[in-house]
């Protein structure tokens, strides 16, 4: 499940992933991304993962499609998680975007939010 968090505004997308993300979960993000890009701004994405187990095939495909299509439209991405593999995803993403990407432990989510908002 993907939840859009209350501090989503302007060019900030704030989301929380729990369980397994499916295609319809990723479709929640598409209009937000397109609105930010259409306004001429760069995207700042706060992506929190708690009890997150990954993506099903459709969810992964939708996520990859969106990320590759908008790779140059991201300014900052804060990956907030609780597992080593989630930190590794952060490293894996870096060559595919010009965005500054940082990983934060779940205990440091306030610092991640402050970084995205600054």
PDB file of N, CA and C in Angstrom:
ATOM      1  N   UNK A   1       0.841  -1.176   0.000  1.00  0.00           N
ATOM      2  CA  UNK A   1       0.000   0.000   0.000  1.00  0.00           C
ATOM      3  C   UNK A   1       0.891   1.246   0.000  1.00  0.00           C
ATOM      4  N   UNK A   2       0.487   2.238  -0.774  1.00  0.00           N
ATOM      5  CA  UNK A   2       1.200   3.502  -0.803  1.00  0.00           C
ATOM      6  C   UNK A   2       0.263   4.599  -0.322  1.00  0.00           C
ATOM      7  N   UNK A   3       0.715   5.285   0.693  1.00  0.00           N
ATOM      8  CA  UNK A   3      -0.068   6.365   1.280  1.00  0.00           C
ATOM      9  C   UNK A   3       0.608   7.695   0.951  1.00  0.00           C
ATOM     10  N   UNK A   4      -0.169   8.682   0.520  1.00  0.00           N
ATOM     11  CA  UNK A   4       0.344  10.024   0.295  1.00  0.00           C
ATOM     12  C   UNK A   4       0.254  10.758   1.629  1.00  0.00           C
ATOM     13  N   UNK A   5       1.380  11.278   2.094  1.00  0.00           N
ATOM     14  CA  UNK A   5       1.445  11.922   3.404  1.00  0.00           C
ATOM     15  C   UNK A   5       1.036  13.388   3.329  1.00  0.00           C
ATOM     16  N   UNK A   6       0.671  13.927   4.480  1.00  0.00           N
ATOM     17  CA  UNK A   6       0.084  15.264   4.542  1.00  0.00           C
ATOM     18  C   UNK A   6       1.024  16.408   4.199  1.00  0.00           C
ATOM     19  N   UNK A   7       2.314  16.186   4.158  1.00  0.00           N
ATOM     20  CA  UNK A   7       3.191  17.303   3.802  1.00  0.00           C
ATOM     21  C   UNK A   7       3.530  17.331   2.306  1.00  0.00           C
ATOM     22  N   UNK A   8       2.728  16.627   1.503  1.00  0.00           N
ATOM     23  CA  UNK A   8       2.823  16.726   0.047  1.00  0.00           C
ATOM     24  C   UNK A   8       2.255  18.087  -0.361  1.00  0.00           C
ATOM     25  N   UNK A   9       3.081  18.888  -1.020  1.00  0.00           N
ATOM     26  CA  UNK A   9       2.652  20.214  -1.473  1.00  0.00           C
ATOM     27  C   UNK A   9       3.701  20.778  -2.426  1.00  0.00           C
ATOM     28  N   UNK A  10       3.320  21.777  -3.184  1.00  0.00           N
ATOM     29  CA  UNK A  10       4.231  22.440  -4.116  1.00  0.00           C
ATOM     30  C   UNK A  10       4.992  21.388  -4.938  1.00  0.00           C
ATOM     31  N   UNK A  11       6.309  21.322  -4.760  1.00  0.00           N
ATOM     32  CA  UNK A  11       7.099  20.346  -5.520  1.00  0.00           C
ATOM     33  C   UNK A  11       7.533  19.150  -4.664  1.00  0.00           C
ATOM     34  N   UNK A  12       6.901  18.973  -3.515  1.00  0.00           N
ATOM     35  CA  UNK A  12       7.240  17.861  -2.610  1.00  0.00           C
ATOM     36  C   UNK A  12       6.175  16.776  -2.689  1.00  0.00           C
ATOM     37  N   UNK A  13       6.649  15.558  -2.948  1.00  0.00           N
ATOM     38  CA  UNK A  13       5.801  14.371  -2.858  1.00  0.00           C
ATOM     39  C   UNK A  13       6.271  13.607  -1.626  1.00  0.00           C
ATOM     40  N   UNK A  14       5.362  13.374  -0.714  1.00  0.00           N
ATOM     41  CA  UNK A  14       5.692  12.611   0.493  1.00  0.00           C
ATOM     42  C   UNK A  14       4.815  11.364   0.511  1.00  0.00           C
ATOM     43  N   UNK A  15       5.463  10.208   0.598  1.00  0.00           N
ATOM     44  CA  UNK A  15       4.714   8.957   0.559  1.00  0.00           C
ATOM     45  C   UNK A  15       5.286   7.965   1.560  1.00  0.00           C
ATOM     46  N   UNK A  16       4.410   7.029   1.936  1.00  0.00           N
ATOM     47  CA  UNK A  16       4.813   5.962   2.851  1.00  0.00           C
ATOM     48  C   UNK A  16       4.383   4.633   2.232  1.00  0.00           C
ATOM     49  N   UNK A  17       5.341   3.729   2.088  1.00  0.00           N
ATOM     50  CA  UNK A  17       5.090   2.408   1.522  1.00  0.00           C
ATOM     51  C   UNK A  17       5.058   1.372   2.639  1.00  0.00           C
ATOM     52  N   UNK A  18       4.014   0.546   2.612  1.00  0.00           N
ATOM     53  CA  UNK A  18       3.893  -0.564   3.552  1.00  0.00           C
ATOM     54  C   UNK A  18       3.468  -1.800   2.777  1.00  0.00           C
ATOM     55  N   UNK A  19       3.957  -2.947   3.196  1.00  0.00           N
ATOM     56  CA  UNK A  19       3.613  -4.181   2.493  1.00  0.00           C
ATOM     57  C   UNK A  19       4.201  -4.182   1.102  1.00  0.00           C
ATOM     58  N   UNK A  20       3.440  -4.689   0.148  1.00  0.00           N
ATOM     59  CA  UNK A  20       3.915  -4.793  -1.234  1.00  0.00           C
ATOM     60  C   UNK A  20       3.209  -3.754  -2.101  1.00  0.00           C
ATOM     61  N   UNK A  21       3.988  -3.009  -2.891  1.00  0.00           N
ATOM     62  CA  UNK A  21       3.410  -2.023  -3.799  1.00  0.00           C
ATOM     63  C   UNK A  21       2.980  -2.700  -5.092  1.00  0.00           C
ATOM     64  N   UNK A  22       1.800  -2.305  -5.544  1.00  0.00           N
ATOM     65  CA  UNK A  22       1.227  -2.842  -6.770  1.00  0.00           C
ATOM     66  C   UNK A  22       1.086  -1.708  -7.784  1.00  0.00           C
ATOM     67  N   UNK A  23       0.709  -2.036  -9.001  1.00  0.00           N
ATOM     68  CA  UNK A  23       0.576  -1.043 -10.057  1.00  0.00           C
ATOM     69  C   UNK A  23      -0.330   0.116  -9.680  1.00  0.00           C
ATOM     70  N   UNK A  24      -1.478  -0.177  -9.072  1.00  0.00           N
ATOM     71  CA  UNK A  24      -2.407   0.899  -8.712  1.00  0.00           C
ATOM     72  C   UNK A  24      -1.830   1.817  -7.641  1.00  0.00           C
ATOM     73  N   UNK A  25      -0.915   1.306  -6.831  1.00  0.00           N
ATOM     74  CA  UNK A  25      -0.255   2.161  -5.839  1.00  0.00           C
ATOM     75  C   UNK A  25       0.605   3.205  -6.541  1.00  0.00           C
ATOM     76  N   UNK A  26       1.364   2.775  -7.528  1.00  0.00           N
ATOM     77  CA  UNK A  26       2.255   3.693  -8.235  1.00  0.00           C
ATOM     78  C   UNK A  26       1.467   4.710  -9.060  1.00  0.00           C
ATOM     79  N   UNK A  27       0.269   4.345  -9.483  1.00  0.00           N
ATOM     80  CA  UNK A  27      -0.569   5.273 -10.246  1.00  0.00           C
ATOM     81  C   UNK A  27      -1.019   6.470  -9.402  1.00  0.00           C
ATOM     82  N   UNK A  28      -0.963   6.354  -8.073  1.00  0.00           N
ATOM     83  CA  UNK A  28      -1.290   7.486  -7.201  1.00  0.00           C
ATOM     84  C   UNK A  28      -0.270   8.613  -7.345  1.00  0.00           C
ATOM     85  N   UNK A  29       0.952   8.256  -7.682  1.00  0.00           N
ATOM     86  CA  UNK A  29       2.048   9.221  -7.769  1.00  0.00           C
ATOM     87  C   UNK A  29       2.058   9.957  -9.110  1.00  0.00           C
ATOM     88  N   UNK A  30       1.639   9.278 -10.172  1.00  0.00           N
ATOM     89  CA  UNK A  30       1.731   9.856 -11.519  1.00  0.00           C
ATOM     90  C   UNK A  30       1.155  11.266 -11.640  1.00  0.00           C
ATOM     91  N   UNK A  31      -0.077  11.538 -11.175  1.00  0.00           N
ATOM     92  CA  UNK A  31      -0.592  12.901 -11.335  1.00  0.00           C
ATOM     93  C   UNK A  31       0.225  13.935 -10.561  1.00  0.00           C
ATOM     94  N   UNK A  32       0.757  13.546  -9.413  1.00  0.00           N
ATOM     95  CA  UNK A  32       1.578  14.469  -8.622  1.00  0.00           C
ATOM     96  C   UNK A  32       2.856  14.822  -9.380  1.00  0.00           C
ATOM     97  N   UNK A  33       3.502  13.806  -9.938  1.00  0.00           N
ATOM     98  CA  UNK A  33       4.722  14.016 -10.719  1.00  0.00           C
ATOM     99  C   UNK A  33       4.441  14.914 -11.921  1.00  0.00           C
ATOM    100  N   UNK A  34       3.383  14.602 -12.640  1.00  0.00           N
ATOM    101  CA  UNK A  34       3.074  15.365 -13.852  1.00  0.00           C
ATOM    102  C   UNK A  34       2.728  16.821 -13.538  1.00  0.00           C
ATOM    103  N   UNK A  35       2.025  17.068 -12.446  1.00  0.00           N
ATOM    104  CA  UNK A  35       1.697  18.447 -12.059  1.00  0.00           C
ATOM    105  C   UNK A  35       2.946  19.251 -11.719  1.00  0.00           C
ATOM    106  N   UNK A  36       3.879  18.636 -11.013  1.00  0.00           N
ATOM    107  CA  UNK A  36       5.120  19.332 -10.651  1.00  0.00           C
ATOM    108  C   UNK A  36       5.927  19.635 -11.913  1.00  0.00           C
ATOM    109  N   UNK A  37       6.077  18.652 -12.784  1.00  0.00           N
ATOM    110  CA  UNK A  37       6.838  18.840 -14.021  1.00  0.00           C
ATOM    111  C   UNK A  37       6.179  19.927 -14.879  1.00  0.00           C
ATOM    112  N   UNK A  38       4.846  19.895 -14.990  1.00  0.00           N
ATOM    113  CA  UNK A  38       4.127  20.889 -15.795  1.00  0.00           C
ATOM    114  C   UNK A  38       4.303  22.306 -15.248  1.00  0.00           C
ATOM    115  N   UNK A  39       4.535  22.421 -13.937  1.00  0.00           N
ATOM    116  CA  UNK A  39       4.731  23.749 -13.329  1.00  0.00           C
ATOM    117  C   UNK A  39       6.162  24.254 -13.507  1.00  0.00           C
ATOM    118  N   UNK A  40       7.027  23.417 -14.080  1.00  0.00           N
ATOM    119  CA  UNK A  40       8.416  23.824 -14.319  1.00  0.00           C
ATOM    120  C   UNK A  40       9.332  23.646 -13.125  1.00  0.00           C
ATOM    121  N   UNK A  41       8.857  22.955 -12.098  1.00  0.00           N
ATOM    122  CA  UNK A  41       9.666  22.737 -10.897  1.00  0.00           C
ATOM    123  C   UNK A  41      10.324  21.357 -10.936  1.00  0.00           C
ATOM    124  N   UNK A  42      11.309  21.178 -10.077  1.00  0.00           N
ATOM    125  CA  UNK A  42      11.950  19.878  -9.875  1.00  0.00           C
ATOM    126  C   UNK A  42      11.253  19.179  -8.710  1.00  0.00           C
ATOM    127  N   UNK A  43      11.200  17.866  -8.793  1.00  0.00           N
ATOM    128  CA  UNK A  43      10.506  17.050  -7.796  1.00  0.00           C
ATOM    129  C   UNK A  43      11.420  16.746  -6.619  1.00  0.00           C
ATOM    130  N   UNK A  44      10.876  16.888  -5.439  1.00  0.00           N
ATOM    131  CA  UNK A  44      11.521  16.430  -4.207  1.00  0.00           C
ATOM    132  C   UNK A  44      10.618  15.336  -3.633  1.00  0.00           C
ATOM    133  N   UNK A  45      11.180  14.136  -3.499  1.00  0.00           N
ATOM    134  CA  UNK A  45      10.359  12.992  -3.084  1.00  0.00           C
ATOM    135  C   UNK A  45      10.880  12.421  -1.770  1.00  0.00           C
ATOM    136  N   UNK A  46       9.985  12.388  -0.788  1.00  0.00           N
ATOM    137  CA  UNK A  46      10.217  11.728   0.492  1.00  0.00           C
ATOM    138  C   UNK A  46       9.530  10.369   0.382  1.00  0.00           C
ATOM    139  N   UNK A  47      10.306   9.287   0.456  1.00  0.00           N
ATOM    140  CA  UNK A  47       9.774   7.936   0.282  1.00  0.00           C
ATOM    141  C   UNK A  47      10.092   7.127   1.534  1.00  0.00           C
ATOM    142  N   UNK A  48       9.093   6.992   2.398  1.00  0.00           N
ATOM    143  CA  UNK A  48       9.252   6.268   3.662  1.00  0.00           C
ATOM    144  C   UNK A  48       8.804   4.821   3.479  1.00  0.00           C
ATOM    145  N   UNK A  49       9.608   3.898   4.016  1.00  0.00           N
ATOM    146  CA  UNK A  49       9.310   2.468   3.908  1.00  0.00           C
ATOM    147  C   UNK A  49       9.241   1.873   5.311  1.00  0.00           C
ATOM    148  N   UNK A  50       8.066   1.419   5.691  1.00  0.00           N
ATOM    149  CA  UNK A  50       7.900   0.765   6.987  1.00  0.00           C
ATOM    150  C   UNK A  50       7.143  -0.537   6.764  1.00  0.00           C
ATOM    151  N   UNK A  51       7.729  -1.644   7.205  1.00  0.00           N
ATOM    152  CA  UNK A  51       7.175  -2.966   6.923  1.00  0.00           C
ATOM    153  C   UNK A  51       6.966  -3.155   5.420  1.00  0.00           C
ATOM    154  N   UNK A  52       7.862  -2.591   4.647  1.00  0.00           N
ATOM    155  CA  UNK A  52       7.804  -2.618   3.189  1.00  0.00           C
ATOM    156  C   UNK A  52       8.488  -3.880   2.694  1.00  0.00           C
ATOM    157  N   UNK A  53       7.801  -4.603   1.802  1.00  0.00           N
ATOM    158  CA  UNK A  53       8.349  -5.869   1.309  1.00  0.00           C
ATOM    159  C   UNK A  53       8.747  -5.814  -0.161  1.00  0.00           C
ATOM    160  N   UNK A  54       8.520  -4.666  -0.831  1.00  0.00           N
ATOM    161  CA  UNK A  54       8.921  -4.526  -2.219  1.00  0.00           C
ATOM    162  C   UNK A  54       7.733  -4.293  -3.137  1.00  0.00           C
ATOM    163  N   UNK A  55       7.885  -4.686  -4.398  1.00  0.00           N
ATOM    164  CA  UNK A  55       6.890  -4.460  -5.427  1.00  0.00           C
ATOM    165  C   UNK A  55       6.473  -5.794  -6.029  1.00  0.00           C
ATOM    166  N   UNK A  56       5.235  -5.870  -6.486  1.00  0.00           N
ATOM    167  CA  UNK A  56       4.905  -6.991  -7.356  1.00  0.00           C
ATOM    168  C   UNK A  56       5.377  -6.603  -8.757  1.00  0.00           C
ATOM    169  N   UNK A  57       5.242  -7.471  -9.742  1.00  0.00           N
ATOM    170  CA  UNK A  57       5.781  -7.204 -11.080  1.00  0.00           C
ATOM    171  C   UNK A  57       5.190  -5.937 -11.693  1.00  0.00           C
ATOM    172  N   UNK A  58       3.880  -5.761 -11.606  1.00  0.00           N
ATOM    173  CA  UNK A  58       3.213  -4.578 -12.176  1.00  0.00           C
ATOM    174  C   UNK A  58       3.651  -3.307 -11.441  1.00  0.00           C
ATOM    175  N   UNK A  59       3.763  -3.372 -10.119  1.00  0.00           N
ATOM    176  CA  UNK A  59       4.204  -2.213  -9.339  1.00  0.00           C
ATOM    177  C   UNK A  59       5.629  -1.806  -9.684  1.00  0.00           C
ATOM    178  N   UNK A  60       6.506  -2.787  -9.827  1.00  0.00           N
ATOM    179  CA  UNK A  60       7.892  -2.497 -10.184  1.00  0.00           C
ATOM    180  C   UNK A  60       7.963  -1.887 -11.581  1.00  0.00           C
ATOM    181  N   UNK A  61       7.207  -2.435 -12.529  1.00  0.00           N
ATOM    182  CA  UNK A  61       7.200  -1.913 -13.885  1.00  0.00           C
ATOM    183  C   UNK A  61       6.720  -0.455 -13.910  1.00  0.00           C
ATOM    184  N   UNK A  62       5.623  -0.161 -13.207  1.00  0.00           N
ATOM    185  CA  UNK A  62       5.084   1.203 -13.173  1.00  0.00           C
ATOM    186  C   UNK A  62       6.076   2.165 -12.523  1.00  0.00           C
ATOM    187  N   UNK A  63       6.739   1.724 -11.466  1.00  0.00           N
ATOM    188  CA  UNK A  63       7.724   2.563 -10.776  1.00  0.00           C
ATOM    189  C   UNK A  63       8.919   2.846 -11.685  1.00  0.00           C
ATOM    190  N   UNK A  64       9.456   1.813 -12.311  1.00  0.00           N
ATOM    191  CA  UNK A  64      10.603   1.994 -13.201  1.00  0.00           C
ATOM    192  C   UNK A  64      10.268   2.891 -14.386  1.00  0.00           C
ATOM    193  N   UNK A  65       9.091   2.696 -14.976  1.00  0.00           N
ATOM    194  CA  UNK A  65       8.660   3.515 -16.103  1.00  0.00           C
ATOM    195  C   UNK A  65       8.630   5.001 -15.721  1.00  0.00           C
ATOM    196  N   UNK A  66       8.016   5.287 -14.575  1.00  0.00           N
ATOM    197  CA  UNK A  66       7.900   6.666 -14.126  1.00  0.00           C
ATOM    198  C   UNK A  66       9.274   7.253 -13.812  1.00  0.00           C
ATOM    199  N   UNK A  67      10.090   6.492 -13.100  1.00  0.00           N
ATOM    200  CA  UNK A  67      11.406   6.997 -12.712  1.00  0.00           C
ATOM    201  C   UNK A  67      12.294   7.266 -13.922  1.00  0.00           C
ATOM    202  N   UNK A  68      12.271   6.391 -14.903  1.00  0.00           N
ATOM    203  CA  UNK A  68      13.101   6.585 -16.090  1.00  0.00           C
ATOM    204  C   UNK A  68      12.588   7.738 -16.950  1.00  0.00           C
ATOM    205  N   UNK A  69      11.285   7.854 -17.058  1.00  0.00           N
ATOM    206  CA  UNK A  69      10.702   8.936 -17.843  1.00  0.00           C
ATOM    207  C   UNK A  69      11.013  10.305 -17.244  1.00  0.00           C
ATOM    208  N   UNK A  70      11.108  10.368 -15.931  1.00  0.00           N
ATOM    209  CA  UNK A  70      11.294  11.653 -15.247  1.00  0.00           C
ATOM    210  C   UNK A  70      12.637  11.753 -14.532  1.00  0.00           C
ATOM    211  N   UNK A  71      13.602  10.975 -14.945  1.00  0.00           N
ATOM    212  CA  UNK A  71      14.904  10.925 -14.264  1.00  0.00           C
ATOM    213  C   UNK A  71      15.530  12.303 -14.079  1.00  0.00           C
ATOM    214  N   UNK A  72      15.366  13.183 -15.040  1.00  0.00           N
ATOM    215  CA  UNK A  72      15.960  14.527 -14.966  1.00  0.00           C
ATOM    216  C   UNK A  72      15.083  15.519 -14.212  1.00  0.00           C
ATOM    217  N   UNK A  73      13.879  15.097 -13.840  1.00  0.00           N
ATOM    218  CA  UNK A  73      12.949  15.999 -13.166  1.00  0.00           C
ATOM    219  C   UNK A  73      13.033  15.937 -11.643  1.00  0.00           C
ATOM    220  N   UNK A  74      13.833  15.027 -11.120  1.00  0.00           N
ATOM    221  CA  UNK A  74      13.978  14.913  -9.671  1.00  0.00           C
ATOM    222  C   UNK A  74      15.140  15.784  -9.196  1.00  0.00           C
ATOM    223  N   UNK A  75      14.917  16.473  -8.096  1.00  0.00           N
ATOM    224  CA  UNK A  75      15.976  17.281  -7.492  1.00  0.00           C
ATOM    225  C   UNK A  75      16.577  16.567  -6.279  1.00  0.00           C
ATOM    226  N   UNK A  76      15.705  16.077  -5.409  1.00  0.00           N
ATOM    227  CA  UNK A  76      16.134  15.353  -4.208  1.00  0.00           C
ATOM    228  C   UNK A  76      15.195  14.180  -3.961  1.00  0.00           C
ATOM    229  N   UNK A  77      15.773  13.092  -3.475  1.00  0.00           N
ATOM    230  CA  UNK A  77      14.982  11.940  -3.064  1.00  0.00           C
ATOM    231  C   UNK A  77      15.506  11.482  -1.711  1.00  0.00           C
ATOM    232  N   UNK A  78      14.611  11.460  -0.732  1.00  0.00           N
ATOM    233  CA  UNK A  78      14.943  10.946   0.605  1.00  0.00           C
ATOM    234  C   UNK A  78      14.322   9.567   0.737  1.00  0.00           C
ATOM    235  N   UNK A  79      15.156   8.558   0.844  1.00  0.00           N
ATOM    236  CA  UNK A  79      14.706   7.181   1.049  1.00  0.00           C
ATOM    237  C   UNK A  79      14.816   6.910   2.546  1.00  0.00           C
ATOM    238  N   UNK A  80      13.702   6.608   3.181  1.00  0.00           N
ATOM    239  CA  UNK A  80      13.661   6.422   4.628  1.00  0.00           C
ATOM    240  C   UNK A  80      13.233   4.984   4.895  1.00  0.00           C
ATOM    241  N   UNK A  81      14.114   4.209   5.518  1.00  0.00           N
ATOM    242  CA  UNK A  81      13.792   2.797   5.683  1.00  0.00           C
ATOM    243  C   UNK A  81      14.322   2.182   6.955  1.00  0.00           C
ATOM    244  N   UNK A  82      14.177   0.869   6.990  1.00  0.00           N
ATOM    245  CA  UNK A  82      14.511   0.129   8.206  1.00  0.00           C
ATOM    246  C   UNK A  82      15.314  -1.142   7.931  1.00  0.00           C
ATOM    247  N   UNK A  83      15.656  -1.374   6.656  1.00  0.00           N
ATOM    248  CA  UNK A  83      16.362  -2.598   6.313  1.00  0.00           C
ATOM    249  C   UNK A  83      17.549  -2.299   5.400  1.00  0.00           C
ATOM    250  N   UNK A  84      18.552  -3.114   5.462  1.00  0.00           N
ATOM    251  CA  UNK A  84      19.763  -2.922   4.667  1.00  0.00           C
ATOM    252  C   UNK A  84      19.456  -2.922   3.164  1.00  0.00           C
ATOM    253  N   UNK A  85      18.570  -3.817   2.697  1.00  0.00           N
ATOM    254  CA  UNK A  85      18.261  -3.854   1.266  1.00  0.00           C
ATOM    255  C   UNK A  85      17.634  -2.551   0.793  1.00  0.00           C
ATOM    256  N   UNK A  86      16.922  -1.856   1.696  1.00  0.00           N
ATOM    257  CA  UNK A  86      16.324  -0.574   1.321  1.00  0.00           C
ATOM    258  C   UNK A  86      17.410   0.486   1.129  1.00  0.00           C
ATOM    259  N   UNK A  87      18.440   0.412   1.939  1.00  0.00           N
ATOM    260  CA  UNK A  87      19.578   1.317   1.763  1.00  0.00           C
ATOM    261  C   UNK A  87      20.303   1.012   0.449  1.00  0.00           C
ATOM    262  N   UNK A  88      20.396  -0.269   0.092  1.00  0.00           N
ATOM    263  CA  UNK A  88      21.041  -0.652  -1.157  1.00  0.00           C
ATOM    264  C   UNK A  88      20.274  -0.154  -2.386  1.00  0.00           C
ATOM    265  N   UNK A  89      18.947  -0.100  -2.294  1.00  0.00           N
ATOM    266  CA  UNK A  89      18.142   0.447  -3.387  1.00  0.00           C
ATOM    267  C   UNK A  89      18.569   1.883  -3.670  1.00  0.00           C
ATOM    268  N   UNK A  90      18.849   2.623  -2.612  1.00  0.00           N
ATOM    269  CA  UNK A  90      19.274   4.018  -2.749  1.00  0.00           C
ATOM    270  C   UNK A  90      20.540   4.099  -3.592  1.00  0.00           C
ATOM    271  N   UNK A  91      21.502   3.239  -3.309  1.00  0.00           N
ATOM    272  CA  UNK A  91      22.753   3.228  -4.071  1.00  0.00           C
ATOM    273  C   UNK A  91      22.511   2.809  -5.523  1.00  0.00           C
ATOM    274  N   UNK A  92      21.615   1.848  -5.715  1.00  0.00           N
ATOM    275  CA  UNK A  92      21.291   1.366  -7.054  1.00  0.00           C
ATOM    276  C   UNK A  92      20.682   2.469  -7.922  1.00  0.00           C
ATOM    277  N   UNK A  93      19.878   3.356  -7.324  1.00  0.00           N
ATOM    278  CA  UNK A  93      19.171   4.406  -8.063  1.00  0.00           C
ATOM    279  C   UNK A  93      20.083   5.524  -8.562  1.00  0.00           C
ATOM    280  N   UNK A  94      21.170   5.779  -7.878  1.00  0.00           N
ATOM    281  CA  UNK A  94      22.001   6.959  -8.145  1.00  0.00           C
ATOM    282  C   UNK A  94      22.460   7.120  -9.596  1.00  0.00           C
ATOM    283  N   UNK A  95      22.878   6.075 -10.292  1.00  0.00           N
ATOM    284  CA  UNK A  95      23.327   6.286 -11.678  1.00  0.00           C
ATOM    285  C   UNK A  95      22.202   6.642 -12.657  1.00  0.00           C
ATOM    286  N   UNK A  96      20.956   6.444 -12.254  1.00  0.00           N
ATOM    287  CA  UNK A  96      19.830   6.627 -13.166  1.00  0.00           C
ATOM    288  C   UNK A  96      19.147   7.986 -13.054  1.00  0.00           C
ATOM    289  N   UNK A  97      19.663   8.853 -12.219  1.00  0.00           N
ATOM    290  CA  UNK A  97      19.053  10.160 -12.042  1.00  0.00           C
ATOM    291  C   UNK A  97      20.113  11.190 -11.677  1.00  0.00           C
ATOM    292  N   UNK A  98      19.812  12.434 -11.951  1.00  0.00           N
ATOM    293  CA  UNK A  98      20.718  13.513 -11.542  1.00  0.00           C
ATOM    294  C   UNK A  98      20.354  14.040 -10.161  1.00  0.00           C
ATOM    295  N   UNK A  99      19.332  13.472  -9.553  1.00  0.00           N
ATOM    296  CA  UNK A  99      18.883  13.911  -8.228  1.00  0.00           C
ATOM    297  C   UNK A  99      19.903  13.577  -7.153  1.00  0.00           C
ATOM    298  N   UNK A 100      19.898  14.379  -6.115  1.00  0.00           N
ATOM    299  CA  UNK A 100      20.660  14.045  -4.914  1.00  0.00           C
ATOM    300  C   UNK A 100      19.792  13.074  -4.117  1.00  0.00           C
ATOM    301  N   UNK A 101      20.341  11.904  -3.843  1.00  0.00           N
ATOM    302  CA  UNK A 101      19.588  10.865  -3.139  1.00  0.00           C
ATOM    303  C   UNK A 101      20.301  10.549  -1.830  1.00  0.00           C
ATOM    304  N   UNK A 102      19.522  10.523  -0.755  1.00  0.00           N
ATOM    305  CA  UNK A 102      20.070  10.159   0.553  1.00  0.00           C
ATOM    306  C   UNK A 102      19.183   9.122   1.218  1.00  0.00           C
ATOM    307  N   UNK A 103      19.843   8.227   1.952  1.00  0.00           N
ATOM    308  CA  UNK A 103      19.129   7.234   2.744  1.00  0.00           C
ATOM    309  C   UNK A 103      19.134   7.676   4.205  1.00  0.00           C
ATOM    310  N   UNK A 104      17.988   7.524   4.860  1.00  0.00           N
ATOM    311  CA  UNK A 104      17.843   7.825   6.277  1.00  0.00           C
ATOM    312  C   UNK A 104      17.202   6.616   6.956  1.00  0.00           C
ATOM    313  N   UNK A 105      17.674   6.296   8.153  1.00  0.00           N
ATOM    314  CA  UNK A 105      17.001   5.263   8.938  1.00  0.00           C
ATOM    315  C   UNK A 105      15.647   5.793   9.380  1.00  0.00           C
ATOM    316  N   UNK A 106      14.703   4.886   9.592  1.00  0.00           N
ATOM    317  CA  UNK A 106      13.355   5.261  10.001  1.00  0.00           C
ATOM    318  C   UNK A 106      13.362   6.152  11.244  1.00  0.00           C
ATOM    319  N   UNK A 107      14.312   5.905  12.142  1.00  0.00           N
ATOM    320  CA  UNK A 107      14.414   6.720  13.358  1.00  0.00           C
ATOM    321  C   UNK A 107      14.786   8.167  13.049  1.00  0.00           C
ATOM    322  N   UNK A 108      15.329   8.410  11.859  1.00  0.00           N
ATOM    323  CA  UNK A 108      15.752   9.755  11.453  1.00  0.00           C
ATOM    324  C   UNK A 108      14.803  10.385  10.438  1.00  0.00           C
ATOM    325  N   UNK A 109      13.537   9.960  10.438  1.00  0.00           N
ATOM    326  CA  UNK A 109      12.621  10.472   9.428  1.00  0.00           C
ATOM    327  C   UNK A 109      12.362  11.971   9.564  1.00  0.00           C
ATOM    328  N   UNK A 110      12.475  12.532  10.750  1.00  0.00           N
ATOM    329  CA  UNK A 110      12.327  13.987  10.898  1.00  0.00           C
ATOM    330  C   UNK A 110      13.450  14.719  10.169  1.00  0.00           C
ATOM    331  N   UNK A 111      14.664  14.175  10.239  1.00  0.00           N
ATOM    332  CA  UNK A 111      15.801  14.773   9.518  1.00  0.00           C
ATOM    333  C   UNK A 111      15.602  14.640   8.007  1.00  0.00           C
ATOM    334  N   UNK A 112      15.051  13.520   7.560  1.00  0.00           N
ATOM    335  CA  UNK A 112      14.787  13.325   6.136  1.00  0.00           C
ATOM    336  C   UNK A 112      13.751  14.327   5.638  1.00  0.00           C
ATOM    337  N   UNK A 113      12.718  14.525   6.426  1.00  0.00           N
ATOM    338  CA  UNK A 113      11.687  15.498   6.047  1.00  0.00           C
ATOM    339  C   UNK A 113      12.275  16.908   6.001  1.00  0.00           C
ATOM    340  N   UNK A 114      13.075  17.261   6.995  1.00  0.00           N
ATOM    341  CA  UNK A 114      13.697  18.588   7.016  1.00  0.00           C
ATOM    342  C   UNK A 114      14.586  18.775   5.794  1.00  0.00           C
ATOM    343  N   UNK A 115      15.333  17.745   5.402  1.00  0.00           N
ATOM    344  CA  UNK A 115      16.204  17.844   4.225  1.00  0.00           C
ATOM    345  C   UNK A 115      15.397  18.045   2.947  1.00  0.00           C
ATOM    346  N   UNK A 116      14.311  17.288   2.792  1.00  0.00           N
ATOM    347  CA  UNK A 116      13.464  17.432   1.603  1.00  0.00           C
ATOM    348  C   UNK A 116      12.827  18.817   1.539  1.00  0.00           C
ATOM    349  N   UNK A 117      12.441  19.342   2.686  1.00  0.00           N
ATOM    350  CA  UNK A 117      11.748  20.630   2.724  1.00  0.00           C
ATOM    351  C   UNK A 117      12.694  21.821   2.661  1.00  0.00           C
ATOM    352  N   UNK A 118      14.008  21.598   2.836  1.00  0.00           N
ATOM    353  CA  UNK A 118      14.941  22.735   2.873  1.00  0.00           C
ATOM    354  C   UNK A 118      15.382  23.194   1.497  1.00  0.00           C
TER     355      UNK A 118
END
